[in-house]
Amino acid sequence: MMSATYIQDSDFGELLALDRPVVVDCTATWCGPCRIIAPLIDQLATEYEDRAKVVKLDIDKNKENAKKFGIKSIPAVLIFKGGELVEHLVGKASYETFAQALDKHL
């Protein structure tokens, strides 16, 4: 099973230029709910590997984009399409919730 890779703030421009949706899981090592959804995000990365890019962003190490996109609570899952933010999900959710949100933008 593939897992979502961690990105840095400096990777954002390249990601947003992709011609497929990008899912960014904004997370932190100390966040319990983030650890709960981590396997769901990894599952999303595996099942949507050929249709979307799924990544993780540690907001403690990458404050620039967390601030830019108004991340106040984590876990926060952002979905981008065509370089634009199209979904912003906050808190624990089921795999189906994340998959349905992504499906809307495929």
PDB file of N, CA and C in Angstrom:
ATOM      1  N   MET A   1       0.843  -1.191   0.000  1.00  0.00           N
ATOM      2  CA  MET A   1       0.000   0.000   0.000  1.00  0.00           C
ATOM      3  C   MET A   1       0.884   1.249   0.000  1.00  0.00           C
ATOM      4  N   MET A   2       0.572   2.131  -0.874  1.00  0.00           N
ATOM      5  CA  MET A   2       1.299   3.394  -0.970  1.00  0.00           C
ATOM      6  C   MET A   2       0.864   4.311   0.173  1.00  0.00           C
ATOM      7  N   SER A   3       1.767   5.171   0.613  1.00  0.00           N
ATOM      8  CA  SER A   3       1.353   6.153   1.617  1.00  0.00           C
ATOM      9  C   SER A   3       1.565   7.544   1.047  1.00  0.00           C
ATOM     10  N   ALA A   4       0.795   8.464   1.555  1.00  0.00           N
ATOM     11  CA  ALA A   4       0.916   9.858   1.128  1.00  0.00           C
ATOM     12  C   ALA A   4       2.258  10.389   1.614  1.00  0.00           C
ATOM     13  N   THR A   5       2.991  11.043   0.735  1.00  0.00           N
ATOM     14  CA  THR A   5       4.299  11.568   1.106  1.00  0.00           C
ATOM     15  C   THR A   5       4.162  12.960   1.717  1.00  0.00           C
ATOM     16  N   TYR A   6       5.125  13.292   2.544  1.00  0.00           N
ATOM     17  CA  TYR A   6       5.159  14.631   3.141  1.00  0.00           C
ATOM     18  C   TYR A   6       5.771  15.607   2.148  1.00  0.00           C
ATOM     19  N   ILE A   7       5.189  16.786   2.086  1.00  0.00           N
ATOM     20  CA  ILE A   7       5.707  17.852   1.231  1.00  0.00           C
ATOM     21  C   ILE A   7       6.140  19.021   2.113  1.00  0.00           C
ATOM     22  N   GLN A   8       6.819  19.974   1.495  1.00  0.00           N
ATOM     23  CA  GLN A   8       7.246  21.206   2.165  1.00  0.00           C
ATOM     24  C   GLN A   8       6.498  22.373   1.528  1.00  0.00           C
ATOM     25  N   ASP A   9       6.492  23.504   2.202  1.00  0.00           N
ATOM     26  CA  ASP A   9       5.859  24.706   1.642  1.00  0.00           C
ATOM     27  C   ASP A   9       6.374  25.000   0.232  1.00  0.00           C
ATOM     28  N   SER A  10       7.661  24.757   0.013  1.00  0.00           N
ATOM     29  CA  SER A  10       8.283  25.069  -1.279  1.00  0.00           C
ATOM     30  C   SER A  10       7.758  24.199  -2.424  1.00  0.00           C
ATOM     31  N   ASP A  11       7.087  23.083  -2.100  1.00  0.00           N
ATOM     32  CA  ASP A  11       6.549  22.174  -3.128  1.00  0.00           C
ATOM     33  C   ASP A  11       5.182  22.615  -3.657  1.00  0.00           C
ATOM     34  N   PHE A  12       4.543  23.566  -3.003  1.00  0.00           N
ATOM     35  CA  PHE A  12       3.157  23.902  -3.327  1.00  0.00           C
ATOM     36  C   PHE A  12       2.951  24.362  -4.763  1.00  0.00           C
ATOM     37  N   GLY A  13       3.808  25.248  -5.258  1.00  0.00           N
ATOM     38  CA  GLY A  13       3.651  25.758  -6.616  1.00  0.00           C
ATOM     39  C   GLY A  13       3.631  24.639  -7.641  1.00  0.00           C
ATOM     40  N   GLU A  14       4.556  23.709  -7.499  1.00  0.00           N
ATOM     41  CA  GLU A  14       4.653  22.563  -8.403  1.00  0.00           C
ATOM     42  C   GLU A  14       3.398  21.692  -8.312  1.00  0.00           C
ATOM     43  N   LEU A  15       2.914  21.473  -7.100  1.00  0.00           N
ATOM     44  CA  LEU A  15       1.720  20.637  -6.908  1.00  0.00           C
ATOM     45  C   LEU A  15       0.483  21.269  -7.533  1.00  0.00           C
ATOM     46  N   LEU A  16       0.323  22.573  -7.315  1.00  0.00           N
ATOM     47  CA  LEU A  16      -0.878  23.242  -7.797  1.00  0.00           C
ATOM     48  C   LEU A  16      -0.891  23.365  -9.318  1.00  0.00           C
ATOM     49  N   ALA A  17       0.249  23.150  -9.947  1.00  0.00           N
ATOM     50  CA  ALA A  17       0.329  23.196 -11.412  1.00  0.00           C
ATOM     51  C   ALA A  17      -0.066  21.855 -12.051  1.00  0.00           C
ATOM     52  N   LEU A  18      -0.257  20.825 -11.241  1.00  0.00           N
ATOM     53  CA  LEU A  18      -0.629  19.506 -11.778  1.00  0.00           C
ATOM     54  C   LEU A  18      -1.995  19.575 -12.453  1.00  0.00           C
ATOM     55  N   ASP A  19      -2.201  18.698 -13.433  1.00  0.00           N
ATOM     56  CA  ASP A  19      -3.471  18.689 -14.161  1.00  0.00           C
ATOM     57  C   ASP A  19      -4.490  17.742 -13.546  1.00  0.00           C
ATOM     58  N   ARG A  20      -4.263  17.346 -12.309  1.00  0.00           N
ATOM     59  CA  ARG A  20      -5.221  16.493 -11.594  1.00  0.00           C
ATOM     60  C   ARG A  20      -5.425  17.074 -10.194  1.00  0.00           C
ATOM     61  N   PRO A  21      -6.502  16.678  -9.528  1.00  0.00           N
ATOM     62  CA  PRO A  21      -6.735  17.207  -8.180  1.00  0.00           C
ATOM     63  C   PRO A  21      -5.590  16.854  -7.227  1.00  0.00           C
ATOM     64  N   VAL A  22      -5.373  17.731  -6.256  1.00  0.00           N
ATOM     65  CA  VAL A  22      -4.345  17.531  -5.234  1.00  0.00           C
ATOM     66  C   VAL A  22      -5.030  17.584  -3.875  1.00  0.00           C
ATOM     67  N   VAL A  23      -4.797  16.556  -3.067  1.00  0.00           N
ATOM     68  CA  VAL A  23      -5.335  16.484  -1.706  1.00  0.00           C
ATOM     69  C   VAL A  23      -4.178  16.722  -0.747  1.00  0.00           C
ATOM     70  N   VAL A  24      -4.327  17.708   0.149  1.00  0.00           N
ATOM     71  CA  VAL A  24      -3.287  18.027   1.123  1.00  0.00           C
ATOM     72  C   VAL A  24      -3.853  17.820   2.521  1.00  0.00           C
ATOM     73  N   ASP A  25      -3.278  16.856   3.238  1.00  0.00           N
ATOM     74  CA  ASP A  25      -3.651  16.600   4.625  1.00  0.00           C
ATOM     75  C   ASP A  25      -2.743  17.450   5.505  1.00  0.00           C
ATOM     76  N   CYS A  26      -3.306  18.490   6.117  1.00  0.00           N
ATOM     77  CA  CYS A  26      -2.547  19.357   7.016  1.00  0.00           C
ATOM     78  C   CYS A  26      -2.564  18.706   8.392  1.00  0.00           C
ATOM     79  N   THR A  27      -1.393  18.371   8.892  1.00  0.00           N
ATOM     80  CA  THR A  27      -1.277  17.529  10.065  1.00  0.00           C
ATOM     81  C   THR A  27      -0.141  17.998  10.967  1.00  0.00           C
ATOM     82  N   ALA A  28      -0.015  17.365  12.127  1.00  0.00           N
ATOM     83  CA  ALA A  28       1.105  17.618  13.042  1.00  0.00           C
ATOM     84  C   ALA A  28       1.324  16.348  13.862  1.00  0.00           C
ATOM     85  N   THR A  29       2.564  16.125  14.268  1.00  0.00           N
ATOM     86  CA  THR A  29       2.905  14.893  14.980  1.00  0.00           C
ATOM     87  C   THR A  29       2.185  14.770  16.324  1.00  0.00           C
ATOM     88  N   TRP A  30       1.876  15.896  16.961  1.00  0.00           N
ATOM     89  CA  TRP A  30       1.245  15.877  18.285  1.00  0.00           C
ATOM     90  C   TRP A  30      -0.280  15.744  18.232  1.00  0.00           C
ATOM     91  N   CYS A  31      -0.856  15.745  17.047  1.00  0.00           N
ATOM     92  CA  CYS A  31      -2.315  15.775  16.872  1.00  0.00           C
ATOM     93  C   CYS A  31      -2.913  14.373  16.844  1.00  0.00           C
ATOM     94  N   GLY A  32      -3.656  14.021  17.893  1.00  0.00           N
ATOM     95  CA  GLY A  32      -4.289  12.698  17.972  1.00  0.00           C
ATOM     96  C   GLY A  32      -5.248  12.410  16.823  1.00  0.00           C
ATOM     97  N   PRO A  33      -6.206  13.308  16.548  1.00  0.00           N
ATOM     98  CA  PRO A  33      -7.127  13.064  15.435  1.00  0.00           C
ATOM     99  C   PRO A  33      -6.405  12.936  14.087  1.00  0.00           C
ATOM    100  N   CYS A  34      -5.265  13.631  13.941  1.00  0.00           N
ATOM    101  CA  CYS A  34      -4.485  13.518  12.699  1.00  0.00           C
ATOM    102  C   CYS A  34      -3.953  12.096  12.542  1.00  0.00           C
ATOM    103  N   ARG A  35      -3.504  11.517  13.651  1.00  0.00           N
ATOM    104  CA  ARG A  35      -2.989  10.145  13.600  1.00  0.00           C
ATOM    105  C   ARG A  35      -4.111   9.166  13.273  1.00  0.00           C
ATOM    106  N   ILE A  36      -5.330   9.483  13.701  1.00  0.00           N
ATOM    107  CA  ILE A  36      -6.470   8.601  13.416  1.00  0.00           C
ATOM    108  C   ILE A  36      -6.799   8.594  11.930  1.00  0.00           C
ATOM    109  N   ILE A  37      -6.747   9.758  11.281  1.00  0.00           N
ATOM    110  CA  ILE A  37      -7.102   9.790   9.849  1.00  0.00           C
ATOM    111  C   ILE A  37      -5.913   9.468   8.932  1.00  0.00           C
ATOM    112  N   ALA A  38      -4.700   9.416   9.479  1.00  0.00           N
ATOM    113  CA  ALA A  38      -3.510   9.157   8.642  1.00  0.00           C
ATOM    114  C   ALA A  38      -3.655   7.906   7.772  1.00  0.00           C
ATOM    115  N   PRO A  39      -4.140   6.773   8.317  1.00  0.00           N
ATOM    116  CA  PRO A  39      -4.295   5.592   7.459  1.00  0.00           C
ATOM    117  C   PRO A  39      -5.350   5.797   6.357  1.00  0.00           C
ATOM    118  N   LEU A  40      -6.341   6.631   6.617  1.00  0.00           N
ATOM    119  CA  LEU A  40      -7.375   6.909   5.614  1.00  0.00           C
ATOM    120  C   LEU A  40      -6.779   7.726   4.470  1.00  0.00           C
ATOM    121  N   ILE A  41      -5.914   8.671   4.812  1.00  0.00           N
ATOM    122  CA  ILE A  41      -5.253   9.492   3.798  1.00  0.00           C
ATOM    123  C   ILE A  41      -4.312   8.614   2.966  1.00  0.00           C
ATOM    124  N   ASP A  42      -3.610   7.692   3.637  1.00  0.00           N
ATOM    125  CA  ASP A  42      -2.738   6.756   2.911  1.00  0.00           C
ATOM    126  C   ASP A  42      -3.557   5.869   1.974  1.00  0.00           C
ATOM    127  N   GLN A  43      -4.729   5.436   2.428  1.00  0.00           N
ATOM    128  CA  GLN A  43      -5.613   4.629   1.583  1.00  0.00           C
ATOM    129  C   GLN A  43      -6.074   5.444   0.364  1.00  0.00           C
ATOM    130  N   LEU A  44      -6.394   6.703   0.580  1.00  0.00           N
ATOM    131  CA  LEU A  44      -6.779   7.593  -0.510  1.00  0.00           C
ATOM    132  C   LEU A  44      -5.638   7.703  -1.529  1.00  0.00           C
ATOM    133  N   ALA A  45      -4.404   7.845  -1.028  1.00  0.00           N
ATOM    134  CA  ALA A  45      -3.232   7.937  -1.908  1.00  0.00           C
ATOM    135  C   ALA A  45      -3.101   6.692  -2.769  1.00  0.00           C
ATOM    136  N   THR A  46      -3.372   5.538  -2.186  1.00  0.00           N
ATOM    137  CA  THR A  46      -3.271   4.272  -2.916  1.00  0.00           C
ATOM    138  C   THR A  46      -4.394   4.135  -3.939  1.00  0.00           C
ATOM    139  N   GLU A  47      -5.620   4.344  -3.507  1.00  0.00           N
ATOM    140  CA  GLU A  47      -6.769   4.079  -4.372  1.00  0.00           C
ATOM    141  C   GLU A  47      -6.964   5.122  -5.471  1.00  0.00           C
ATOM    142  N   TYR A  48      -6.432   6.321  -5.269  1.00  0.00           N
ATOM    143  CA  TYR A  48      -6.585   7.385  -6.269  1.00  0.00           C
ATOM    144  C   TYR A  48      -5.248   7.719  -6.945  1.00  0.00           C
ATOM    145  N   GLU A  49      -4.280   6.827  -6.798  1.00  0.00           N
ATOM    146  CA  GLU A  49      -2.913   7.072  -7.271  1.00  0.00           C
ATOM    147  C   GLU A  49      -2.847   7.579  -8.711  1.00  0.00           C
ATOM    148  N   ASP A  50      -3.668   7.034  -9.592  1.00  0.00           N
ATOM    149  CA  ASP A  50      -3.614   7.418 -11.004  1.00  0.00           C
ATOM    150  C   ASP A  50      -4.538   8.586 -11.360  1.00  0.00           C
ATOM    151  N   ARG A  51      -5.323   9.072 -10.379  1.00  0.00           N
ATOM    152  CA  ARG A  51      -6.290  10.132 -10.672  1.00  0.00           C
ATOM    153  C   ARG A  51      -6.092  11.410  -9.879  1.00  0.00           C
ATOM    154  N   ALA A  52      -5.358  11.316  -8.762  1.00  0.00           N
ATOM    155  CA  ALA A  52      -5.152  12.483  -7.898  1.00  0.00           C
ATOM    156  C   ALA A  52      -3.813  12.345  -7.181  1.00  0.00           C
ATOM    157  N   LYS A  53      -3.280  13.462  -6.736  1.00  0.00           N
ATOM    158  CA  LYS A  53      -2.050  13.468  -5.944  1.00  0.00           C
ATOM    159  C   LYS A  53      -2.456  13.712  -4.500  1.00  0.00           C
ATOM    160  N   VAL A  54      -2.066  12.810  -3.599  1.00  0.00           N
ATOM    161  CA  VAL A  54      -2.426  12.918  -2.184  1.00  0.00           C
ATOM    162  C   VAL A  54      -1.140  13.065  -1.376  1.00  0.00           C
ATOM    163  N   VAL A  55      -1.045  14.149  -0.602  1.00  0.00           N
ATOM    164  CA  VAL A  55       0.162  14.448   0.166  1.00  0.00           C
ATOM    165  C   VAL A  55      -0.193  14.906   1.577  1.00  0.00           C
ATOM    166  N   LYS A  56       0.829  14.975   2.427  1.00  0.00           N
ATOM    167  CA  LYS A  56       0.669  15.461   3.798  1.00  0.00           C
ATOM    168  C   LYS A  56       1.588  16.663   3.996  1.00  0.00           C
ATOM    169  N   LEU A  57       1.129  17.597   4.823  1.00  0.00           N
ATOM    170  CA  LEU A  57       1.898  18.798   5.137  1.00  0.00           C
ATOM    171  C   LEU A  57       1.940  18.961   6.650  1.00  0.00           C
ATOM    172  N   ASP A  58       3.141  18.864   7.230  1.00  0.00           N
ATOM    173  CA  ASP A  58       3.318  19.069   8.669  1.00  0.00           C
ATOM    174  C   ASP A  58       3.281  20.576   8.922  1.00  0.00           C
ATOM    175  N   ILE A  59       2.218  21.043   9.561  1.00  0.00           N
ATOM    176  CA  ILE A  59       2.046  22.494   9.721  1.00  0.00           C
ATOM    177  C   ILE A  59       3.019  23.106  10.725  1.00  0.00           C
ATOM    178  N   ASP A  60       3.629  22.297  11.583  1.00  0.00           N
ATOM    179  CA  ASP A  60       4.630  22.834  12.504  1.00  0.00           C
ATOM    180  C   ASP A  60       5.908  23.190  11.759  1.00  0.00           C
ATOM    181  N   LYS A  61       6.214  22.452  10.706  1.00  0.00           N
ATOM    182  CA  LYS A  61       7.432  22.690   9.931  1.00  0.00           C
ATOM    183  C   LYS A  61       7.169  23.563   8.710  1.00  0.00           C
ATOM    184  N   ASN A  62       5.902  23.759   8.368  1.00  0.00           N
ATOM    185  CA  ASN A  62       5.525  24.490   7.160  1.00  0.00           C
ATOM    186  C   ASN A  62       4.390  25.461   7.474  1.00  0.00           C
ATOM    187  N   LYS A  63       4.732  26.557   8.096  1.00  0.00           N
ATOM    188  CA  LYS A  63       3.713  27.505   8.562  1.00  0.00           C
ATOM    189  C   LYS A  63       3.174  28.418   7.457  1.00  0.00           C
ATOM    190  N   GLU A  64       3.948  28.610   6.397  1.00  0.00           N
ATOM    191  CA  GLU A  64       3.570  29.553   5.340  1.00  0.00           C
ATOM    192  C   GLU A  64       2.224  29.202   4.709  1.00  0.00           C
ATOM    193  N   ASN A  65       2.077  27.963   4.241  1.00  0.00           N
ATOM    194  CA  ASN A  65       0.819  27.580   3.587  1.00  0.00           C
ATOM    195  C   ASN A  65      -0.306  27.354   4.585  1.00  0.00           C
ATOM    196  N   ALA A  66       0.026  26.926   5.792  1.00  0.00           N
ATOM    197  CA  ALA A  66      -1.008  26.798   6.824  1.00  0.00           C
ATOM    198  C   ALA A  66      -1.654  28.160   7.060  1.00  0.00           C
ATOM    199  N   LYS A  67      -0.825  29.190   7.120  1.00  0.00           N
ATOM    200  CA  LYS A  67      -1.333  30.552   7.311  1.00  0.00           C
ATOM    201  C   LYS A  67      -2.086  31.027   6.069  1.00  0.00           C
ATOM    202  N   LYS A  68      -1.492  30.791   4.902  1.00  0.00           N
ATOM    203  CA  LYS A  68      -2.081  31.241   3.637  1.00  0.00           C
ATOM    204  C   LYS A  68      -3.496  30.696   3.436  1.00  0.00           C
ATOM    205  N   PHE A  69      -3.715  29.428   3.821  1.00  0.00           N
ATOM    206  CA  PHE A  69      -5.018  28.803   3.607  1.00  0.00           C
ATOM    207  C   PHE A  69      -5.893  28.803   4.856  1.00  0.00           C
ATOM    208  N   GLY A  70      -5.500  29.567   5.870  1.00  0.00           N
ATOM    209  CA  GLY A  70      -6.335  29.771   7.047  1.00  0.00           C
ATOM    210  C   GLY A  70      -6.560  28.534   7.897  1.00  0.00           C
ATOM    211  N   ILE A  71      -5.531  27.702   8.034  1.00  0.00           N
ATOM    212  CA  ILE A  71      -5.667  26.489   8.845  1.00  0.00           C
ATOM    213  C   ILE A  71      -5.642  26.887  10.316  1.00  0.00           C
ATOM    214  N   LYS A  72      -6.790  26.744  10.971  1.00  0.00           N
ATOM    215  CA  LYS A  72      -6.904  27.089  12.388  1.00  0.00           C
ATOM    216  C   LYS A  72      -7.056  25.836  13.249  1.00  0.00           C
ATOM    217  N   SER A  73      -7.605  24.766  12.663  1.00  0.00           N
ATOM    218  CA  SER A  73      -7.802  23.499  13.365  1.00  0.00           C
ATOM    219  C   SER A  73      -7.302  22.371  12.466  1.00  0.00           C
ATOM    220  N   ILE A  74      -6.741  21.348  13.106  1.00  0.00           N
ATOM    221  CA  ILE A  74      -6.315  20.174  12.349  1.00  0.00           C
ATOM    222  C   ILE A  74      -6.922  18.936  12.992  1.00  0.00           C
ATOM    223  N   PRO A  75      -7.085  17.857  12.255  1.00  0.00           N
ATOM    224  CA  PRO A  75      -6.687  17.721  10.865  1.00  0.00           C
ATOM    225  C   PRO A  75      -7.551  18.575   9.933  1.00  0.00           C
ATOM    226  N   ALA A  76      -6.898  19.070   8.902  1.00  0.00           N
ATOM    227  CA  ALA A  76      -7.589  19.810   7.844  1.00  0.00           C
ATOM    228  C   ALA A  76      -7.147  19.203   6.525  1.00  0.00           C
ATOM    229  N   VAL A  77      -8.106  18.843   5.702  1.00  0.00           N
ATOM    230  CA  VAL A  77      -7.813  18.254   4.401  1.00  0.00           C
ATOM    231  C   VAL A  77      -8.276  19.241   3.331  1.00  0.00           C
ATOM    232  N   LEU A  78      -7.324  19.679   2.520  1.00  0.00           N
ATOM    233  CA  LEU A  78      -7.600  20.642   1.463  1.00  0.00           C
ATOM    234  C   LEU A  78      -7.562  19.927   0.123  1.00  0.00           C
ATOM    235  N   ILE A  79      -8.508  20.243  -0.745  1.00  0.00           N
ATOM    236  CA  ILE A  79      -8.517  19.677  -2.091  1.00  0.00           C
ATOM    237  C   ILE A  79      -8.410  20.838  -3.077  1.00  0.00           C
ATOM    238  N   PHE A  80      -7.425  20.730  -3.955  1.00  0.00           N
ATOM    239  CA  PHE A  80      -7.182  21.743  -4.973  1.00  0.00           C
ATOM    240  C   PHE A  80      -7.453  21.158  -6.349  1.00  0.00           C
ATOM    241  N   LYS A  81      -8.000  21.985  -7.222  1.00  0.00           N
ATOM    242  CA  LYS A  81      -8.178  21.591  -8.621  1.00  0.00           C
ATOM    243  C   LYS A  81      -7.869  22.808  -9.472  1.00  0.00           C
ATOM    244  N   GLY A  82      -7.029  22.608 -10.475  1.00  0.00           N
ATOM    245  CA  GLY A  82      -6.651  23.732 -11.325  1.00  0.00           C
ATOM    246  C   GLY A  82      -5.966  24.841 -10.554  1.00  0.00           C
ATOM    247  N   GLY A  83      -5.259  24.481  -9.493  1.00  0.00           N
ATOM    248  CA  GLY A  83      -4.547  25.470  -8.696  1.00  0.00           C
ATOM    249  C   GLY A  83      -5.407  26.213  -7.691  1.00  0.00           C
ATOM    250  N   GLU A  84      -6.701  25.910  -7.654  1.00  0.00           N
ATOM    251  CA  GLU A  84      -7.633  26.601  -6.749  1.00  0.00           C
ATOM    252  C   GLU A  84      -8.106  25.673  -5.629  1.00  0.00           C
ATOM    253  N   LEU A  85      -8.277  26.224  -4.441  1.00  0.00           N
ATOM    254  CA  LEU A  85      -8.830  25.470  -3.324  1.00  0.00           C
ATOM    255  C   LEU A  85     -10.318  25.250  -3.575  1.00  0.00           C
ATOM    256  N   VAL A  86     -10.762  23.983  -3.651  1.00  0.00           N
ATOM    257  CA  VAL A  86     -12.163  23.693  -3.948  1.00  0.00           C
ATOM    258  C   VAL A  86     -12.886  22.990  -2.791  1.00  0.00           C
ATOM    259  N   GLU A  87     -12.144  22.429  -1.842  1.00  0.00           N
ATOM    260  CA  GLU A  87     -12.739  21.791  -0.659  1.00  0.00           C
ATOM    261  C   GLU A  87     -11.826  22.033   0.538  1.00  0.00           C
ATOM    262  N   HIS A  88     -12.442  22.192   1.727  1.00  0.00           N
ATOM    263  CA  HIS A  88     -11.695  22.357   2.973  1.00  0.00           C
ATOM    264  C   HIS A  88     -12.459  21.590   4.050  1.00  0.00           C
ATOM    265  N   LEU A  89     -11.967  20.408   4.385  1.00  0.00           N
ATOM    266  CA  LEU A  89     -12.611  19.560   5.389  1.00  0.00           C
ATOM    267  C   LEU A  89     -11.810  19.638   6.688  1.00  0.00           C
ATOM    268  N   VAL A  90     -12.485  19.855   7.796  1.00  0.00           N
ATOM    269  CA  VAL A  90     -11.803  19.981   9.085  1.00  0.00           C
ATOM    270  C   VAL A  90     -12.299  18.902  10.037  1.00  0.00           C
ATOM    271  N   GLY A  91     -11.354  18.292  10.752  1.00  0.00           N
ATOM    272  CA  GLY A  91     -11.693  17.304  11.769  1.00  0.00           C
ATOM    273  C   GLY A  91     -11.674  15.879  11.255  1.00  0.00           C
ATOM    274  N   LYS A  92     -11.954  14.962  12.174  1.00  0.00           N
ATOM    275  CA  LYS A  92     -11.988  13.545  11.810  1.00  0.00           C
ATOM    276  C   LYS A  92     -13.172  13.297  10.899  1.00  0.00           C
ATOM    277  N   ALA A  93     -12.979  12.410   9.945  1.00  0.00           N
ATOM    278  CA  ALA A  93     -14.060  12.024   9.050  1.00  0.00           C
ATOM    279  C   ALA A  93     -13.782  10.612   8.569  1.00  0.00           C
ATOM    280  N   SER A  94     -14.777  10.020   7.952  1.00  0.00           N
ATOM    281  CA  SER A  94     -14.622   8.664   7.439  1.00  0.00           C
ATOM    282  C   SER A  94     -13.893   8.685   6.094  1.00  0.00           C
ATOM    283  N   TYR A  95     -13.391   7.537   5.707  1.00  0.00           N
ATOM    284  CA  TYR A  95     -12.760   7.413   4.393  1.00  0.00           C
ATOM    285  C   TYR A  95     -13.748   7.828   3.306  1.00  0.00           C
ATOM    286  N   GLU A  96     -14.998   7.423   3.463  1.00  0.00           N
ATOM    287  CA  GLU A  96     -16.027   7.733   2.467  1.00  0.00           C
ATOM    288  C   GLU A  96     -16.202   9.245   2.305  1.00  0.00           C
ATOM    289  N   THR A  97     -16.128   9.978   3.396  1.00  0.00           N
ATOM    290  CA  THR A  97     -16.257  11.441   3.332  1.00  0.00           C
ATOM    291  C   THR A  97     -15.143  12.045   2.484  1.00  0.00           C
ATOM    292  N   PHE A  98     -13.910  11.599   2.734  1.00  0.00           N
ATOM    293  CA  PHE A  98     -12.779  12.113   1.956  1.00  0.00           C
ATOM    294  C   PHE A  98     -12.888  11.691   0.490  1.00  0.00           C
ATOM    295  N   ALA A  99     -13.252  10.437   0.251  1.00  0.00           N
ATOM    296  CA  ALA A  99     -13.361   9.931  -1.119  1.00  0.00           C
ATOM    297  C   ALA A  99     -14.467  10.655  -1.886  1.00  0.00           C
ATOM    298  N   GLN A 100     -15.602  10.886  -1.243  1.00  0.00           N
ATOM    299  CA  GLN A 100     -16.709  11.587  -1.912  1.00  0.00           C
ATOM    300  C   GLN A 100     -16.330  13.030  -2.244  1.00  0.00           C
ATOM    301  N   ALA A 101     -15.616  13.683  -1.317  1.00  0.00           N
ATOM    302  CA  ALA A 101     -15.177  15.053  -1.569  1.00  0.00           C
ATOM    303  C   ALA A 101     -14.233  15.100  -2.769  1.00  0.00           C
ATOM    304  N   LEU A 102     -13.334  14.127  -2.844  1.00  0.00           N
ATOM    305  CA  LEU A 102     -12.401  14.068  -3.965  1.00  0.00           C
ATOM    306  C   LEU A 102     -13.112  13.699  -5.272  1.00  0.00           C
ATOM    307  N   ASP A 103     -14.037  12.755  -5.203  1.00  0.00           N
ATOM    308  CA  ASP A 103     -14.777  12.309  -6.396  1.00  0.00           C
ATOM    309  C   ASP A 103     -15.472  13.463  -7.105  1.00  0.00           C
ATOM    310  N   LYS A 104     -15.938  14.445  -6.340  1.00  0.00           N
ATOM    311  CA  LYS A 104     -16.647  15.598  -6.925  1.00  0.00           C
ATOM    312  C   LYS A 104     -15.751  16.396  -7.871  1.00  0.00           C
ATOM    313  N   HIS A 105     -14.434  16.238  -7.718  1.00  0.00           N
ATOM    314  CA  HIS A 105     -13.511  17.073  -8.479  1.00  0.00           C
ATOM    315  C   HIS A 105     -12.673  16.291  -9.485  1.00  0.00           C
ATOM    316  N   LEU A 106     -13.026  15.041  -9.692  1.00  0.00           N
ATOM    317  CA  LEU A 106     -12.310  14.231 -10.684  1.00  0.00           C
ATOM    318  C   LEU A 106     -12.904  14.408 -12.068  1.00  0.00           C
TER     319      LEU A 106
END
